[in-house]
């Protein structure tokens, strides 16, 4: 079962190490980790995605709340969240596959952001699942390099 932990922490050196060390010491897996400043430069937001049974998820939340540098922990599952991931993919192209790449980009709302004679860099910002689908759709093309940001997530807006 996947769980998203939105963790507000003090924005200071060593905090990321302490939080990731917590996962390492207890053998909890991190599927995705993204960190960035909030509107307050003294506070950072960590979005951690982890997979585990209910007991493991409860332990992760309890252990995060014990950390001195942690200000607040919110947990939710994927159905309760708006999730996005940024992925950059550098591919080799030629005359035969160029149109196919452009068509796939159009269908999946990806953007070609850099181009040379035989290579291009594609950007997709979407749900982790759709980013993976895009990757599978172009797997017949020579992929040179990929980088992914990790999942960022916020709970969905509620009426009222």
C-alpha atoms as a PDB file:
ATOM      1  CA  UNK A   1       0.000   0.000   0.000  1.00  0.00           C
ATOM      2  CA  UNK A   2       1.407   3.404  -1.037  1.00  0.00           C
ATOM      3  CA  UNK A   3       1.270   6.329   1.354  1.00  0.00           C
ATOM      4  CA  UNK A   4       2.244   9.967   0.881  1.00  0.00           C
ATOM      5  CA  UNK A   5       3.852  11.871   3.747  1.00  0.00           C
ATOM      6  CA  UNK A   6       3.847  15.647   3.442  1.00  0.00           C
ATOM      7  CA  UNK A   7       6.408  16.695   6.058  1.00  0.00           C
ATOM      8  CA  UNK A   8       7.096  20.316   7.009  1.00  0.00           C
ATOM      9  CA  UNK A   9      10.618  20.602   8.415  1.00  0.00           C
ATOM     10  CA  UNK A  10      12.999  23.312   9.494  1.00  0.00           C
ATOM     11  CA  UNK A  11      15.025  24.445   6.485  1.00  0.00           C
ATOM     12  CA  UNK A  12      18.530  23.755   7.750  1.00  0.00           C
ATOM     13  CA  UNK A  13      21.417  21.498   6.867  1.00  0.00           C
ATOM     14  CA  UNK A  14      21.277  17.922   8.078  1.00  0.00           C
ATOM     15  CA  UNK A  15      17.485  17.593   8.246  1.00  0.00           C
ATOM     16  CA  UNK A  16      17.248  15.541   5.034  1.00  0.00           C
ATOM     17  CA  UNK A  17      19.976  13.238   6.338  1.00  0.00           C
ATOM     18  CA  UNK A  18      18.128  12.729   9.631  1.00  0.00           C
ATOM     19  CA  UNK A  19      14.813  11.937   7.926  1.00  0.00           C
ATOM     20  CA  UNK A  20      16.337   9.578   5.353  1.00  0.00           C
ATOM     21  CA  UNK A  21      18.367   7.963   8.161  1.00  0.00           C
ATOM     22  CA  UNK A  22      15.122   7.209   9.980  1.00  0.00           C
ATOM     23  CA  UNK A  23      13.933   5.227   6.932  1.00  0.00           C
ATOM     24  CA  UNK A  24      17.304   3.484   6.561  1.00  0.00           C
ATOM     25  CA  UNK A  25      17.594   2.419  10.229  1.00  0.00           C
ATOM     26  CA  UNK A  26      14.146   0.863  10.246  1.00  0.00           C
ATOM     27  CA  UNK A  27      14.429  -0.650   6.740  1.00  0.00           C
ATOM     28  CA  UNK A  28      11.486   1.401   5.421  1.00  0.00           C
ATOM     29  CA  UNK A  29      11.556   1.955   1.670  1.00  0.00           C
ATOM     30  CA  UNK A  30      11.339   5.402   0.057  1.00  0.00           C
ATOM     31  CA  UNK A  31       9.685   5.175  -3.373  1.00  0.00           C
ATOM     32  CA  UNK A  32      10.016   8.903  -4.012  1.00  0.00           C
ATOM     33  CA  UNK A  33      11.416  11.924  -2.198  1.00  0.00           C
ATOM     34  CA  UNK A  34      11.108  15.577  -3.212  1.00  0.00           C
ATOM     35  CA  UNK A  35      12.171  18.531  -1.054  1.00  0.00           C
ATOM     36  CA  UNK A  36      11.788  22.263  -1.538  1.00  0.00           C
ATOM     37  CA  UNK A  37      11.297  25.510   0.335  1.00  0.00           C
ATOM     38  CA  UNK A  38       7.784  26.676   1.168  1.00  0.00           C
ATOM     39  CA  UNK A  39       6.525  30.271   1.100  1.00  0.00           C
ATOM     40  CA  UNK A  40       8.506  30.651   4.344  1.00  0.00           C
ATOM     41  CA  UNK A  41      12.243  30.255   3.602  1.00  0.00           C
ATOM     42  CA  UNK A  42      12.795  28.881   7.120  1.00  0.00           C
ATOM     43  CA  UNK A  43      10.542  25.896   6.331  1.00  0.00           C
ATOM     44  CA  UNK A  44      10.905  23.138   3.715  1.00  0.00           C
ATOM     45  CA  UNK A  45       8.302  20.668   2.514  1.00  0.00           C
ATOM     46  CA  UNK A  46       9.325  17.035   2.033  1.00  0.00           C
ATOM     47  CA  UNK A  47       7.018  14.871  -0.023  1.00  0.00           C
ATOM     48  CA  UNK A  48       7.860  11.254   0.728  1.00  0.00           C
ATOM     49  CA  UNK A  49       6.129   8.340  -0.978  1.00  0.00           C
ATOM     50  CA  UNK A  50       6.587   4.976   0.715  1.00  0.00           C
ATOM     51  CA  UNK A  51       5.104   1.519   0.319  1.00  0.00           C
ATOM     52  CA  UNK A  52       4.292  -0.770   3.215  1.00  0.00           C
ATOM     53  CA  UNK A  53       1.583  -2.453   5.224  1.00  0.00           C
ATOM     54  CA  UNK A  54      -0.625  -0.541   7.644  1.00  0.00           C
ATOM     55  CA  UNK A  55       1.687  -1.174  10.613  1.00  0.00           C
ATOM     56  CA  UNK A  56       4.725   0.094   8.692  1.00  0.00           C
ATOM     57  CA  UNK A  57       2.855   3.225   7.612  1.00  0.00           C
ATOM     58  CA  UNK A  58       1.815   3.959  11.201  1.00  0.00           C
ATOM     59  CA  UNK A  59       5.414   3.494  12.366  1.00  0.00           C
ATOM     60  CA  UNK A  60       6.729   5.867   9.693  1.00  0.00           C
ATOM     61  CA  UNK A  61       4.278   8.574  10.764  1.00  0.00           C
ATOM     62  CA  UNK A  62       5.074   8.093  14.476  1.00  0.00           C
ATOM     63  CA  UNK A  63       8.830   8.173  13.878  1.00  0.00           C
ATOM     64  CA  UNK A  64       8.592  11.290  11.696  1.00  0.00           C
ATOM     65  CA  UNK A  65       6.588  13.082  14.391  1.00  0.00           C
ATOM     66  CA  UNK A  66       9.334  12.306  16.958  1.00  0.00           C
ATOM     67  CA  UNK A  67      12.019  14.184  15.005  1.00  0.00           C
ATOM     68  CA  UNK A  68      12.878  17.579  16.514  1.00  0.00           C
ATOM     69  CA  UNK A  69      13.313  19.245  13.110  1.00  0.00           C
ATOM     70  CA  UNK A  70       9.844  18.118  11.965  1.00  0.00           C
ATOM     71  CA  UNK A  71       7.159  20.788  12.316  1.00  0.00           C
ATOM     72  CA  UNK A  72       4.123  18.910  10.967  1.00  0.00           C
ATOM     73  CA  UNK A  73       3.349  15.583   9.270  1.00  0.00           C
ATOM     74  CA  UNK A  74       0.308  15.050   7.040  1.00  0.00           C
ATOM     75  CA  UNK A  75      -0.353  11.623   5.552  1.00  0.00           C
ATOM     76  CA  UNK A  76      -2.730  10.689   2.787  1.00  0.00           C
ATOM     77  CA  UNK A  77      -3.093   8.196  -0.026  1.00  0.00           C
ATOM     78  CA  UNK A  78      -2.953   8.827  -3.754  1.00  0.00           C
ATOM     79  CA  UNK A  79      -6.750   9.048  -4.102  1.00  0.00           C
ATOM     80  CA  UNK A  80      -6.832  12.023  -1.730  1.00  0.00           C
ATOM     81  CA  UNK A  81      -4.049  13.912  -3.503  1.00  0.00           C
ATOM     82  CA  UNK A  82      -3.070  15.827  -6.583  1.00  0.00           C
ATOM     83  CA  UNK A  83       0.309  14.333  -7.529  1.00  0.00           C
ATOM     84  CA  UNK A  84       2.803  15.484 -10.147  1.00  0.00           C
ATOM     85  CA  UNK A  85       6.241  14.410 -11.282  1.00  0.00           C
ATOM     86  CA  UNK A  86       8.622  16.153 -13.656  1.00  0.00           C
ATOM     87  CA  UNK A  87      10.552  13.922 -16.037  1.00  0.00           C
ATOM     88  CA  UNK A  88      13.170  14.951 -18.599  1.00  0.00           C
ATOM     89  CA  UNK A  89      14.068  12.406 -21.305  1.00  0.00           C
ATOM     90  CA  UNK A  90      16.882  12.783 -23.824  1.00  0.00           C
ATOM     91  CA  UNK A  91      16.293  10.634 -26.933  1.00  0.00           C
ATOM     92  CA  UNK A  92      18.037  10.006 -30.245  1.00  0.00           C
ATOM     93  CA  UNK A  93      15.813  10.571 -33.210  1.00  0.00           C
ATOM     94  CA  UNK A  94      15.983  10.177 -36.962  1.00  0.00           C
ATOM     95  CA  UNK A  95      13.755  10.878 -39.948  1.00  0.00           C
ATOM     96  CA  UNK A  96      11.784   7.660 -39.443  1.00  0.00           C
ATOM     97  CA  UNK A  97      10.846   8.125 -35.750  1.00  0.00           C
ATOM     98  CA  UNK A  98      10.699  11.937 -35.440  1.00  0.00           C
ATOM     99  CA  UNK A  99       6.976  12.133 -36.315  1.00  0.00           C
ATOM    100  CA  UNK A 100       6.182   9.318 -33.848  1.00  0.00           C
ATOM    101  CA  UNK A 101       7.961  11.187 -31.030  1.00  0.00           C
ATOM    102  CA  UNK A 102       6.106  14.421 -31.841  1.00  0.00           C
ATOM    103  CA  UNK A 103       2.756  12.563 -31.947  1.00  0.00           C
ATOM    104  CA  UNK A 104       3.417  10.901 -28.581  1.00  0.00           C
ATOM    105  CA  UNK A 105       4.354  14.261 -27.088  1.00  0.00           C
ATOM    106  CA  UNK A 106       1.134  15.767 -28.413  1.00  0.00           C
ATOM    107  CA  UNK A 107      -1.065  12.973 -27.047  1.00  0.00           C
ATOM    108  CA  UNK A 108       0.584  12.941 -23.601  1.00  0.00           C
ATOM    109  CA  UNK A 109       0.971  16.733 -23.306  1.00  0.00           C
ATOM    110  CA  UNK A 110       4.770  16.505 -23.242  1.00  0.00           C
ATOM    111  CA  UNK A 111       7.010  19.249 -24.608  1.00  0.00           C
ATOM    112  CA  UNK A 112      10.186  19.130 -26.658  1.00  0.00           C
ATOM    113  CA  UNK A 113      12.392  21.638 -24.826  1.00  0.00           C
ATOM    114  CA  UNK A 114      15.775  21.161 -26.524  1.00  0.00           C
ATOM    115  CA  UNK A 115      16.805  19.823 -29.900  1.00  0.00           C
ATOM    116  CA  UNK A 116      19.958  19.142 -31.911  1.00  0.00           C
ATOM    117  CA  UNK A 117      20.573  17.350 -35.219  1.00  0.00           C
ATOM    118  CA  UNK A 118      19.878  13.868 -33.877  1.00  0.00           C
ATOM    119  CA  UNK A 119      18.840  14.341 -30.235  1.00  0.00           C
ATOM    120  CA  UNK A 120      16.022  16.004 -28.369  1.00  0.00           C
ATOM    121  CA  UNK A 121      15.053  16.536 -24.753  1.00  0.00           C
ATOM    122  CA  UNK A 122      11.421  16.019 -23.818  1.00  0.00           C
ATOM    123  CA  UNK A 123       9.718  17.310 -20.684  1.00  0.00           C
ATOM    124  CA  UNK A 124       6.597  15.816 -19.177  1.00  0.00           C
ATOM    125  CA  UNK A 125       4.957  17.034 -15.991  1.00  0.00           C
ATOM    126  CA  UNK A 126       2.092  14.783 -15.031  1.00  0.00           C
ATOM    127  CA  UNK A 127       1.045  12.103 -12.578  1.00  0.00           C
ATOM    128  CA  UNK A 128       3.755   9.483 -11.956  1.00  0.00           C
ATOM    129  CA  UNK A 129       1.547   6.910 -13.715  1.00  0.00           C
ATOM    130  CA  UNK A 130       1.121   9.024 -16.873  1.00  0.00           C
ATOM    131  CA  UNK A 131       4.845   9.826 -16.932  1.00  0.00           C
ATOM    132  CA  UNK A 132       5.509   6.076 -16.857  1.00  0.00           C
ATOM    133  CA  UNK A 133       2.967   5.475 -19.655  1.00  0.00           C
ATOM    134  CA  UNK A 134       4.724   8.085 -21.789  1.00  0.00           C
ATOM    135  CA  UNK A 135       8.034   6.326 -21.178  1.00  0.00           C
ATOM    136  CA  UNK A 136       6.513   2.985 -22.209  1.00  0.00           C
ATOM    137  CA  UNK A 137       5.023   4.576 -25.356  1.00  0.00           C
ATOM    138  CA  UNK A 138       8.459   5.705 -26.541  1.00  0.00           C
ATOM    139  CA  UNK A 139      10.461   2.664 -25.366  1.00  0.00           C
ATOM    140  CA  UNK A 140      11.154   1.679 -28.985  1.00  0.00           C
ATOM    141  CA  UNK A 141      13.176   4.902 -29.383  1.00  0.00           C
ATOM    142  CA  UNK A 142      16.801   5.097 -28.232  1.00  0.00           C
ATOM    143  CA  UNK A 143      16.713   6.751 -24.799  1.00  0.00           C
ATOM    144  CA  UNK A 144      20.025   8.396 -23.929  1.00  0.00           C
ATOM    145  CA  UNK A 145      19.241   9.726 -20.467  1.00  0.00           C
ATOM    146  CA  UNK A 146      16.335  10.179 -18.031  1.00  0.00           C
ATOM    147  CA  UNK A 147      15.939  12.207 -14.875  1.00  0.00           C
ATOM    148  CA  UNK A 148      12.857  12.364 -12.655  1.00  0.00           C
ATOM    149  CA  UNK A 149      12.007  14.807  -9.900  1.00  0.00           C
ATOM    150  CA  UNK A 150      10.111  12.519  -7.580  1.00  0.00           C
ATOM    151  CA  UNK A 151       6.483  13.008  -6.659  1.00  0.00           C
ATOM    152  CA  UNK A 152       5.176  16.271  -5.256  1.00  0.00           C
ATOM    153  CA  UNK A 153       1.673  16.173  -3.815  1.00  0.00           C
ATOM    154  CA  UNK A 154      -0.988  18.201  -2.062  1.00  0.00           C
ATOM    155  CA  UNK A 155      -4.318  17.044  -0.723  1.00  0.00           C
ATOM    156  CA  UNK A 156      -7.224  17.750  -3.047  1.00  0.00           C
ATOM    157  CA  UNK A 157      -9.294  20.866  -2.468  1.00  0.00           C
ATOM    158  CA  UNK A 158     -12.554  20.247  -0.664  1.00  0.00           C
ATOM    159  CA  UNK A 159     -15.828  22.113  -1.073  1.00  0.00           C
ATOM    160  CA  UNK A 160     -16.918  24.383   1.701  1.00  0.00           C
END
